[in-house]
Amino acid sequence: FSLIESGEMNVTEAAITVGYSNISAFSTAFRKKYGVNPVKCRKKY
């Protein structure tokens, strides 16, 4: 979340960095925890 939200990495880079090889599984886990798809997770404020 920190890597994506900060703009430091895109979704694929962040998923690989934290140990997810399956991007679909990562997106599902991310969406379940935060209620938003990681591609829509961007800094608002």
All heavy atoms as atom14 arrays in JSON, in Angstrom:
{
  "sequence": "FSLIESGEMNVTEAAITVGYSNISAFSTAFRKKYGVNPVKCRKKY",
  "atom14_mask": [
    [1, 1, 1, 1, 1, 1, 1, 1, 1, 1, 1, 0, 0, 0],
    [1, 1, 1, 1, 1, 1, 0, 0, 0, 0, 0, 0, 0, 0],
    [1, 1, 1, 1, 1, 1, 1, 1, 0, 0, 0, 0, 0, 0],
    [1, 1, 1, 1, 1, 1, 1, 1, 0, 0, 0, 0, 0, 0],
    [1, 1, 1, 1, 1, 1, 1, 1, 1, 0, 0, 0, 0, 0],
    [1, 1, 1, 1, 1, 1, 0, 0, 0, 0, 0, 0, 0, 0],
    [1, 1, 1, 1, 0, 0, 0, 0, 0, 0, 0, 0, 0, 0],
    [1, 1, 1, 1, 1, 1, 1, 1, 1, 0, 0, 0, 0, 0],
    [1, 1, 1, 1, 1, 1, 1, 1, 0, 0, 0, 0, 0, 0],
    [1, 1, 1, 1, 1, 1, 1, 1, 0, 0, 0, 0, 0, 0],
    [1, 1, 1, 1, 1, 1, 1, 0, 0, 0, 0, 0, 0, 0],
    [1, 1, 1, 1, 1, 1, 1, 0, 0, 0, 0, 0, 0, 0],
    [1, 1, 1, 1, 1, 1, 1, 1, 1, 0, 0, 0, 0, 0],
    [1, 1, 1, 1, 1, 0, 0, 0, 0, 0, 0, 0, 0, 0],
    [1, 1, 1, 1, 1, 0, 0, 0, 0, 0, 0, 0, 0, 0],
    [1, 1, 1, 1, 1, 1, 1, 1, 0, 0, 0, 0, 0, 0],
    [1, 1, 1, 1, 1, 1, 1, 0, 0, 0, 0, 0, 0, 0],
    [1, 1, 1, 1, 1, 1, 1, 0, 0, 0, 0, 0, 0, 0],
    [1, 1, 1, 1, 0, 0, 0, 0, 0, 0, 0, 0, 0, 0],
    [1, 1, 1, 1, 1, 1, 1, 1, 1, 1, 1, 1, 0, 0],
    [1, 1, 1, 1, 1, 1, 0, 0, 0, 0, 0, 0, 0, 0],
    [1, 1, 1, 1, 1, 1, 1, 1, 0, 0, 0, 0, 0, 0],
    [1, 1, 1, 1, 1, 1, 1, 1, 0, 0, 0, 0, 0, 0],
    [1, 1, 1, 1, 1, 1, 0, 0, 0, 0, 0, 0, 0, 0],
    [1, 1, 1, 1, 1, 0, 0, 0, 0, 0, 0, 0, 0, 0],
    [1, 1, 1, 1, 1, 1, 1, 1, 1, 1, 1, 0, 0, 0],
    [1, 1, 1, 1, 1, 1, 0, 0, 0, 0, 0, 0, 0, 0],
    [1, 1, 1, 1, 1, 1, 1, 0, 0, 0, 0, 0, 0, 0],
    [1, 1, 1, 1, 1, 0, 0, 0, 0, 0, 0, 0, 0, 0],
    [1, 1, 1, 1, 1, 1, 1, 1, 1, 1, 1, 0, 0, 0],
    [1, 1, 1, 1, 1, 1, 1, 1, 1, 1, 1, 0, 0, 0],
    [1, 1, 1, 1, 1, 1, 1, 1, 1, 0, 0, 0, 0, 0],
    [1, 1, 1, 1, 1, 1, 1, 1, 1, 0, 0, 0, 0, 0],
    [1, 1, 1, 1, 1, 1, 1, 1, 1, 1, 1, 1, 0, 0],
    [1, 1, 1, 1, 0, 0, 0, 0, 0, 0, 0, 0, 0, 0],
    [1, 1, 1, 1, 1, 1, 1, 0, 0, 0, 0, 0, 0, 0],
    [1, 1, 1, 1, 1, 1, 1, 1, 0, 0, 0, 0, 0, 0],
    [1, 1, 1, 1, 1, 1, 1, 0, 0, 0, 0, 0, 0, 0],
    [1, 1, 1, 1, 1, 1, 1, 0, 0, 0, 0, 0, 0, 0],
    [1, 1, 1, 1, 1, 1, 1, 1, 1, 0, 0, 0, 0, 0],
    [1, 1, 1, 1, 1, 1, 0, 0, 0, 0, 0, 0, 0, 0],
    [1, 1, 1, 1, 1, 1, 1, 1, 1, 1, 1, 0, 0, 0],
    [1, 1, 1, 1, 1, 1, 1, 1, 1, 0, 0, 0, 0, 0],
    [1, 1, 1, 1, 1, 1, 1, 1, 1, 0, 0, 0, 0, 0],
    [1, 1, 1, 1, 1, 1, 1, 1, 1, 1, 1, 1, 0, 0]
  ],
  "atom14_positions": [
    [[0.83, -1.2, 0.0], [0.0, 0.0, 0.0], [0.87, 1.25, 0.0], [0.64, 2.2, -0.75], [-0.92, 0.0, 1.22], [-1.8, 1.22, 1.32], [-3.07, 1.23, 0.77], [-1.35, 2.37, 1.96], [-3.87, 2.35, 0.85], [-2.14, 3.49, 2.06], [-3.41, 3.48, 1.5], [0.0, 0.0, 0.0], [0.0, 0.0, 0.0], [0.0, 0.0, 0.0]],
    [[1.9, 1.25, 0.86], [2.8, 2.41, 0.96], [3.54, 2.64, -0.36], [3.66, 3.78, -0.82], [3.8, 2.19, 2.1], [4.7, 3.26, 2.19], [0.0, 0.0, 0.0], [0.0, 0.0, 0.0], [0.0, 0.0, 0.0], [0.0, 0.0, 0.0], [0.0, 0.0, 0.0], [0.0, 0.0, 0.0], [0.0, 0.0, 0.0], [0.0, 0.0, 0.0]],
    [[4.01, 1.58, -0.99], [4.76, 1.71, -2.24], [3.88, 2.23, -3.37], [4.31, 3.06, -4.18], [5.35, 0.35, -2.63], [6.45, -0.19, -1.71], [6.77, -1.63, -2.08], [7.71, 0.67, -1.79], [0.0, 0.0, 0.0], [0.0, 0.0, 0.0], [0.0, 0.0, 0.0], [0.0, 0.0, 0.0], [0.0, 0.0, 0.0], [0.0, 0.0, 0.0]],
    [[2.64, 1.75, -3.45], [1.73, 2.16, -4.52], [1.2, 3.56, -4.26], [1.21, 4.43, -5.14], [0.57, 1.17, -4.65], [1.09, -0.2, -5.09], [-0.48, 1.67, -5.66], [0.06, -1.32, -4.98], [0.0, 0.0, 0.0], [0.0, 0.0, 0.0], [0.0, 0.0, 0.0], [0.0, 0.0, 0.0], [0.0, 0.0, 0.0], [0.0, 0.0, 0.0]],
    [[0.75, 3.79, -3.04], [0.15, 5.07, -2.69], [1.13, 6.23, -2.8], [0.78, 7.34, -3.16], [-0.44, 4.98, -1.27], [-1.18, 6.21, -0.78], [-0.26, 7.21, -0.13], [0.86, 6.83, 0.26], [-0.67, 8.37, -0.03], [0.0, 0.0, 0.0], [0.0, 0.0, 0.0], [0.0, 0.0, 0.0], [0.0, 0.0, 0.0], [0.0, 0.0, 0.0]],
    [[2.4, 5.94, -2.5], [3.42, 6.99, -2.57], [3.85, 7.29, -4.0], [4.52, 8.29, -4.25], [4.66, 6.55, -1.78], [5.31, 5.46, -2.42], [0.0, 0.0, 0.0], [0.0, 0.0, 0.0], [0.0, 0.0, 0.0], [0.0, 0.0, 0.0], [0.0, 0.0, 0.0], [0.0, 0.0, 0.0], [0.0, 0.0, 0.0], [0.0, 0.0, 0.0]],
    [[3.46, 6.43, -4.95], [3.88, 6.62, -6.33], [5.26, 6.07, -6.62], [5.78, 6.21, -7.72], [0.0, 0.0, 0.0], [0.0, 0.0, 0.0], [0.0, 0.0, 0.0], [0.0, 0.0, 0.0], [0.0, 0.0, 0.0], [0.0, 0.0, 0.0], [0.0, 0.0, 0.0], [0.0, 0.0, 0.0], [0.0, 0.0, 0.0], [0.0, 0.0, 0.0]],
    [[5.86, 5.42, -5.63], [7.22, 4.91, -5.81], [7.25, 3.72, -6.77], [8.23, 3.53, -7.5], [7.82, 4.51, -4.46], [9.26, 4.06, -4.56], [9.93, 4.0, -3.2], [9.45, 4.65, -2.27], [10.94, 3.29, -3.08], [0.0, 0.0, 0.0], [0.0, 0.0, 0.0], [0.0, 0.0, 0.0], [0.0, 0.0, 0.0], [0.0, 0.0, 0.0]],
    [[6.18, 2.92, -6.78], [6.12, 1.75, -7.65], [4.72, 1.61, -8.23], [3.73, 2.07, -7.63], [6.47, 0.47, -6.88], [7.89, 0.38, -6.4], [8.21, -1.24, -5.62], [9.93, -1.01, -5.15], [0.0, 0.0, 0.0], [0.0, 0.0, 0.0], [0.0, 0.0, 0.0], [0.0, 0.0, 0.0], [0.0, 0.0, 0.0], [0.0, 0.0, 0.0]],
    [[4.64, 0.94, -9.39], [3.32, 0.6, -9.9], [2.86, -0.7, -9.24], [3.58, -1.3, -8.42], [3.34, 0.48, -11.43], [4.28, -0.6, -11.94], [4.43, -1.65, -11.32], [4.91, -0.37, -13.08], [0.0, 0.0, 0.0], [0.0, 0.0, 0.0], [0.0, 0.0, 0.0], [0.0, 0.0, 0.0], [0.0, 0.0, 0.0], [0.0, 0.0, 0.0]],
    [[1.67, -1.17, -9.59], [1.09, -2.32, -8.9], [1.94, -3.57, -9.07], [2.21, -4.3, -8.1], [-0.35, -2.58, -9.42], [-0.9, -3.88, -8.85], [-1.26, -1.42, -9.04], [0.0, 0.0, 0.0], [0.0, 0.0, 0.0], [0.0, 0.0, 0.0], [0.0, 0.0, 0.0], [0.0, 0.0, 0.0], [0.0, 0.0, 0.0], [0.0, 0.0, 0.0]],
    [[2.39, -3.84, -10.29], [3.18, -5.05, -10.54], [4.5, -5.0, -9.77], [4.9, -6.0, -9.14], [3.46, -5.2, -12.04], [2.21, -5.32, -12.74], [4.29, -6.45, -12.31], [0.0, 0.0, 0.0], [0.0, 0.0, 0.0], [0.0, 0.0, 0.0], [0.0, 0.0, 0.0], [0.0, 0.0, 0.0], [0.0, 0.0, 0.0], [0.0, 0.0, 0.0]],
    [[5.18, -3.85, -9.81], [6.46, -3.72, -9.1], [6.27, -3.92, -7.6], [7.06, -4.6, -6.95], [7.06, -2.35, -9.39], [7.54, -2.16, -10.81], [7.91, -0.72, -11.12], [7.38, 0.19, -10.42], [8.7, -0.5, -12.05], [0.0, 0.0, 0.0], [0.0, 0.0, 0.0], [0.0, 0.0, 0.0], [0.0, 0.0, 0.0], [0.0, 0.0, 0.0]],
    [[5.22, -3.3, -7.05], [4.98, -3.42, -5.61], [4.65, -4.86, -5.22], [5.14, -5.37, -4.21], [3.84, -2.49, -5.19], [0.0, 0.0, 0.0], [0.0, 0.0, 0.0], [0.0, 0.0, 0.0], [0.0, 0.0, 0.0], [0.0, 0.0, 0.0], [0.0, 0.0, 0.0], [0.0, 0.0, 0.0], [0.0, 0.0, 0.0], [0.0, 0.0, 0.0]],
    [[3.83, -5.52, -6.04], [3.46, -6.9, -5.74], [4.69, -7.81, -5.71], [4.85, -8.63, -4.81], [2.45, -7.41, -6.78], [0.0, 0.0, 0.0], [0.0, 0.0, 0.0], [0.0, 0.0, 0.0], [0.0, 0.0, 0.0], [0.0, 0.0, 0.0], [0.0, 0.0, 0.0], [0.0, 0.0, 0.0], [0.0, 0.0, 0.0], [0.0, 0.0, 0.0]],
    [[5.56, -7.66, -6.69], [6.78, -8.48, -6.76], [7.71, -8.15, -5.6], [8.3, -9.06, -4.99], [7.49, -8.27, -8.12], [6.62, -8.83, -9.25], [8.86, -8.94, -8.12], [7.14, -8.51, -10.64], [0.0, 0.0, 0.0], [0.0, 0.0, 0.0], [0.0, 0.0, 0.0], [0.0, 0.0, 0.0], [0.0, 0.0, 0.0], [0.0, 0.0, 0.0]],
    [[7.83, -6.87, -5.27], [8.72, -6.45, -4.18], [8.33, -7.08, -2.85], [9.2, -7.46, -2.06], [8.71, -4.92, -4.05], [9.23, -4.34, -5.25], [9.55, -4.45, -2.87], [0.0, 0.0, 0.0], [0.0, 0.0, 0.0], [0.0, 0.0, 0.0], [0.0, 0.0, 0.0], [0.0, 0.0, 0.0], [0.0, 0.0, 0.0], [0.0, 0.0, 0.0]],
    [[7.03, -7.19, -2.6], [6.59, -7.75, -1.32], [6.37, -9.26, -1.37], [5.92, -9.87, -0.4], [5.31, -7.06, -0.81], [5.54, -5.57, -0.63], [4.11, -7.32, -1.72], [0.0, 0.0, 0.0], [0.0, 0.0, 0.0], [0.0, 0.0, 0.0], [0.0, 0.0, 0.0], [0.0, 0.0, 0.0], [0.0, 0.0, 0.0], [0.0, 0.0, 0.0]],
    [[6.69, -9.87, -2.52], [6.71, -11.33, -2.57], [5.55, -12.01, -3.25], [5.42, -13.23, -3.16], [0.0, 0.0, 0.0], [0.0, 0.0, 0.0], [0.0, 0.0, 0.0], [0.0, 0.0, 0.0], [0.0, 0.0, 0.0], [0.0, 0.0, 0.0], [0.0, 0.0, 0.0], [0.0, 0.0, 0.0], [0.0, 0.0, 0.0], [0.0, 0.0, 0.0]],
    [[4.7, -11.25, -3.96], [3.59, -11.87, -4.7], [4.04, -12.14, -6.14], [4.42, -11.22, -6.85], [2.38, -10.95, -4.73], [1.5, -11.03, -3.5], [1.76, -10.23, -2.4], [0.42, -11.9, -3.43], [0.95, -10.28, -1.26], [-0.39, -11.96, -2.3], [-0.11, -11.15, -1.23], [-0.91, -11.2, -0.11], [0.0, 0.0, 0.0], [0.0, 0.0, 0.0]],
    [[3.97, -13.39, -6.59], [4.28, -13.71, -7.98], [3.03, -13.71, -8.84], [3.1, -13.54, -10.05], [4.96, -15.08, -8.06], [4.14, -16.08, -7.49], [0.0, 0.0, 0.0], [0.0, 0.0, 0.0], [0.0, 0.0, 0.0], [0.0, 0.0, 0.0], [0.0, 0.0, 0.0], [0.0, 0.0, 0.0], [0.0, 0.0, 0.0], [0.0, 0.0, 0.0]],
    [[1.87, -13.87, -8.2], [0.59, -13.87, -8.89], [-0.1, -12.52, -8.67], [-0.58, -12.23, -7.57], [-0.29, -15.01, -8.37], [-1.58, -15.17, -9.17], [-2.25, -14.2, -9.48], [-1.92, -16.41, -9.48], [0.0, 0.0, 0.0], [0.0, 0.0, 0.0], [0.0, 0.0, 0.0], [0.0, 0.0, 0.0], [0.0, 0.0, 0.0], [0.0, 0.0, 0.0]],
    [[-0.13, -11.68, -9.69], [-0.67, -10.33, -9.54], [-2.17, -10.37, -9.26], [-2.7, -9.54, -8.52], [-0.39, -9.49, -10.82], [1.11, -9.52, -11.15], [-0.85, -8.05, -10.62], [2.0, -9.03, -10.03], [0.0, 0.0, 0.0], [0.0, 0.0, 0.0], [0.0, 0.0, 0.0], [0.0, 0.0, 0.0], [0.0, 0.0, 0.0], [0.0, 0.0, 0.0]],
    [[-2.86, -11.34, -9.84], [-4.29, -11.46, -9.6], [-4.57, -11.78, -8.13], [-5.48, -11.19, -7.52], [-4.89, -12.56, -10.49], [-6.27, -12.74, -10.22], [0.0, 0.0, 0.0], [0.0, 0.0, 0.0], [0.0, 0.0, 0.0], [0.0, 0.0, 0.0], [0.0, 0.0, 0.0], [0.0, 0.0, 0.0], [0.0, 0.0, 0.0], [0.0, 0.0, 0.0]],
    [[-3.79, -12.68, -7.56], [-3.96, -13.02, -6.14], [-3.63, -11.81, -5.26], [-4.3, -11.57, -4.24], [-3.06, -14.2, -5.77], [0.0, 0.0, 0.0], [0.0, 0.0, 0.0], [0.0, 0.0, 0.0], [0.0, 0.0, 0.0], [0.0, 0.0, 0.0], [0.0, 0.0, 0.0], [0.0, 0.0, 0.0], [0.0, 0.0, 0.0], [0.0, 0.0, 0.0]],
    [[-2.61, -11.06, -5.66], [-2.26, -9.85, -4.92], [-3.4, -8.84, -4.95], [-3.78, -8.28, -3.92], [-1.0, -9.22, -5.51], [-0.73, -7.83, -5.02], [-0.27, -7.61, -3.73], [-0.96, -6.73, -5.84], [-0.04, -6.31, -3.27], [-0.73, -5.44, -5.4], [-0.26, -5.24, -4.11], [0.0, 0.0, 0.0], [0.0, 0.0, 0.0], [0.0, 0.0, 0.0]],
    [[-3.97, -8.62, -6.13], [-5.06, -7.65, -6.26], [-6.27, -8.06, -5.43], [-6.93, -7.21, -4.8], [-5.47, -7.51, -7.73], [-4.41, -6.99, -8.51], [0.0, 0.0, 0.0], [0.0, 0.0, 0.0], [0.0, 0.0, 0.0], [0.0, 0.0, 0.0], [0.0, 0.0, 0.0], [0.0, 0.0, 0.0], [0.0, 0.0, 0.0], [0.0, 0.0, 0.0]],
    [[-6.56, -9.34, -5.4], [-7.69, -9.84, -4.6], [-7.46, -9.59, -3.12], [-8.35, -9.12, -2.4], [-7.9, -11.34, -4.85], [-8.21, -11.55, -6.24], [-9.04, -11.88, -4.01], [0.0, 0.0, 0.0], [0.0, 0.0, 0.0], [0.0, 0.0, 0.0], [0.0, 0.0, 0.0], [0.0, 0.0, 0.0], [0.0, 0.0, 0.0], [0.0, 0.0, 0.0]],
    [[-6.25, -9.9, -2.63], [-5.93, -9.7, -1.22], [-5.94, -8.22, -0.87], [-6.43, -7.81, 0.19], [-4.56, -10.31, -0.9], [0.0, 0.0, 0.0], [0.0, 0.0, 0.0], [0.0, 0.0, 0.0], [0.0, 0.0, 0.0], [0.0, 0.0, 0.0], [0.0, 0.0, 0.0], [0.0, 0.0, 0.0], [0.0, 0.0, 0.0], [0.0, 0.0, 0.0]],
    [[-5.4, -7.39, -1.77], [-5.35, -5.94, -1.56], [-6.76, -5.37, -1.48], [-7.09, -4.57, -0.58], [-4.57, -5.29, -2.7], [-4.21, -3.85, -2.47], [-2.94, -3.51, -2.02], [-5.12, -2.83, -2.7], [-2.6, -2.18, -1.82], [-4.79, -1.5, -2.5], [-3.52, -1.19, -2.05], [0.0, 0.0, 0.0], [0.0, 0.0, 0.0], [0.0, 0.0, 0.0]],
    [[-7.61, -5.78, -2.42], [-8.98, -5.27, -2.47], [-9.78, -5.72, -1.25], [-10.59, -4.96, -0.7], [-9.66, -5.76, -3.75], [-11.06, -5.17, -3.99], [-11.54, -5.44, -5.4], [-11.52, -6.86, -5.73], [-10.67, -7.43, -6.59], [-9.76, -6.69, -7.21], [-10.73, -8.72, -6.82], [0.0, 0.0, 0.0], [0.0, 0.0, 0.0], [0.0, 0.0, 0.0]],
    [[-9.53, -6.93, -0.78], [-10.23, -7.44, 0.4], [-9.86, -6.64, 1.64], [-10.71, -6.37, 2.51], [-9.89, -8.92, 0.61], [-10.64, -9.56, 1.77], [-10.32, -11.04, 1.88], [-11.06, -11.68, 3.04], [-10.77, -13.13, 3.17], [0.0, 0.0, 0.0], [0.0, 0.0, 0.0], [0.0, 0.0, 0.0], [0.0, 0.0, 0.0], [0.0, 0.0, 0.0]],
    [[-8.59, -6.23, 1.74], [-8.14, -5.49, 2.92], [-8.53, -4.02, 2.87], [-8.98, -3.45, 3.86], [-6.62, -5.62, 3.06], [-6.07, -4.86, 4.27], [-4.6, -5.13, 4.47], [-4.04, -4.31, 5.63], [-4.7, -4.64, 6.92], [0.0, 0.0, 0.0], [0.0, 0.0, 0.0], [0.0, 0.0, 0.0], [0.0, 0.0, 0.0], [0.0, 0.0, 0.0]],
    [[-8.36, -3.39, 1.7], [-8.54, -1.94, 1.62], [-9.84, -1.51, 0.94], [-10.17, -0.33, 0.93], [-7.35, -1.3, 0.9], [-6.06, -1.44, 1.66], [-5.06, -2.31, 1.21], [-5.83, -0.72, 2.82], [-3.87, -2.45, 1.91], [-4.65, -0.86, 3.53], [-3.68, -1.72, 3.07], [-2.51, -1.85, 3.77], [0.0, 0.0, 0.0], [0.0, 0.0, 0.0]],
    [[-10.56, -2.46, 0.34], [-11.82, -2.11, -0.3], [-11.66, -1.37, -1.6], [-12.62, -0.76, -2.09], [0.0, 0.0, 0.0], [0.0, 0.0, 0.0], [0.0, 0.0, 0.0], [0.0, 0.0, 0.0], [0.0, 0.0, 0.0], [0.0, 0.0, 0.0], [0.0, 0.0, 0.0], [0.0, 0.0, 0.0], [0.0, 0.0, 0.0], [0.0, 0.0, 0.0]],
    [[-10.48, -1.42, -2.19], [-10.24, -0.73, -3.46], [-9.22, -1.52, -4.26], [-8.33, -2.16, -3.69], [-9.72, 0.71, -3.21], [-8.39, 0.7, -2.49], [-9.63, 1.49, -4.51], [0.0, 0.0, 0.0], [0.0, 0.0, 0.0], [0.0, 0.0, 0.0], [0.0, 0.0, 0.0], [0.0, 0.0, 0.0], [0.0, 0.0, 0.0], [0.0, 0.0, 0.0]],
    [[-9.37, -1.52, -5.58], [-8.38, -2.2, -6.43], [-7.07, -1.43, -6.37], [-7.06, -0.2, -6.37], [-8.91, -2.22, -7.86], [-8.12, -3.19, -8.73], [-6.96, -2.94, -9.01], [-8.75, -4.27, -9.13], [0.0, 0.0, 0.0], [0.0, 0.0, 0.0], [0.0, 0.0, 0.0], [0.0, 0.0, 0.0], [0.0, 0.0, 0.0], [0.0, 0.0, 0.0]],
    [[-5.93, -2.12, -6.31], [-4.64, -1.41, -6.18], [-4.36, -0.43, -7.32], [-3.67, 0.56, -7.1], [-3.61, -2.55, -6.14], [-4.31, -3.75, -6.65], [-5.74, -3.58, -6.28], [0.0, 0.0, 0.0], [0.0, 0.0, 0.0], [0.0, 0.0, 0.0], [0.0, 0.0, 0.0], [0.0, 0.0, 0.0], [0.0, 0.0, 0.0], [0.0, 0.0, 0.0]],
    [[-4.9, -0.67, -8.52], [-4.63, 0.27, -9.62], [-5.33, 1.61, -9.37], [-4.97, 2.62, -9.97], [-5.08, -0.31, -10.98], [-4.31, -1.56, -11.31], [-6.59, -0.58, -10.98], [0.0, 0.0, 0.0], [0.0, 0.0, 0.0], [0.0, 0.0, 0.0], [0.0, 0.0, 0.0], [0.0, 0.0, 0.0], [0.0, 0.0, 0.0], [0.0, 0.0, 0.0]],
    [[-6.33, 1.61, -8.5], [-7.03, 2.86, -8.19], [-6.51, 3.51, -6.91], [-7.03, 4.54, -6.48], [-8.54, 2.59, -8.05], [-9.19, 2.14, -9.34], [-10.69, 1.93, -9.15], [-11.33, 1.49, -10.46], [-12.81, 1.27, -10.3], [0.0, 0.0, 0.0], [0.0, 0.0, 0.0], [0.0, 0.0, 0.0], [0.0, 0.0, 0.0], [0.0, 0.0, 0.0]],
    [[-5.52, 2.86, -6.3], [-4.94, 3.39, -5.07], [-3.9, 4.45, -5.43], [-2.81, 4.13, -5.88], [-4.3, 2.26, -4.26], [-3.49, 2.81, -2.77], [0.0, 0.0, 0.0], [0.0, 0.0, 0.0], [0.0, 0.0, 0.0], [0.0, 0.0, 0.0], [0.0, 0.0, 0.0], [0.0, 0.0, 0.0], [0.0, 0.0, 0.0], [0.0, 0.0, 0.0]],
    [[-4.21, 5.67, -5.28], [-3.28, 6.75, -5.57], [-3.41, 7.82, -4.5], [-4.41, 7.92, -3.81], [-3.53, 7.34, -6.96], [-4.94, 7.92, -7.12], [-5.08, 8.62, -8.46], [-4.92, 7.7, -9.56], [-5.94, 7.06, -10.13], [-7.17, 7.25, -9.69], [-5.74, 6.24, -11.13], [0.0, 0.0, 0.0], [0.0, 0.0, 0.0], [0.0, 0.0, 0.0]],
    [[-2.38, 8.6, -4.38], [-2.41, 9.63, -3.36], [-3.45, 10.68, -3.69], [-3.47, 11.21, -4.79], [-1.03, 10.28, -3.23], [0.01, 9.37, -2.62], [1.31, 10.08, -2.37], [2.02, 10.39, -3.68], [3.33, 10.99, -3.45], [0.0, 0.0, 0.0], [0.0, 0.0, 0.0], [0.0, 0.0, 0.0], [0.0, 0.0, 0.0], [0.0, 0.0, 0.0]],
    [[-4.31, 10.99, -2.72], [-5.34, 12.0, -2.92], [-5.01, 13.3, -2.19], [-5.45, 14.36, -2.59], [-6.69, 11.47, -2.42], [-7.19, 10.26, -3.2], [-8.52, 9.78, -2.64], [-9.04, 8.57, -3.43], [-10.31, 8.06, -2.89], [0.0, 0.0, 0.0], [0.0, 0.0, 0.0], [0.0, 0.0, 0.0], [0.0, 0.0, 0.0], [0.0, 0.0, 0.0]],
    [[-4.29, 13.16, -1.1], [-4.07, 14.34, -0.29], [-2.59, 14.66, -0.07], [-2.27, 15.7, 0.47], [-4.72, 14.17, 1.09], [-6.16, 13.75, 1.02], [-6.55, 12.46, 1.37], [-7.13, 14.64, 0.6], [-7.86, 12.07, 1.29], [-8.46, 14.26, 0.53], [-8.82, 12.98, 0.87], [-10.13, 12.59, 0.82], [0.0, 0.0, 0.0], [0.0, 0.0, 0.0]]
  ]
}
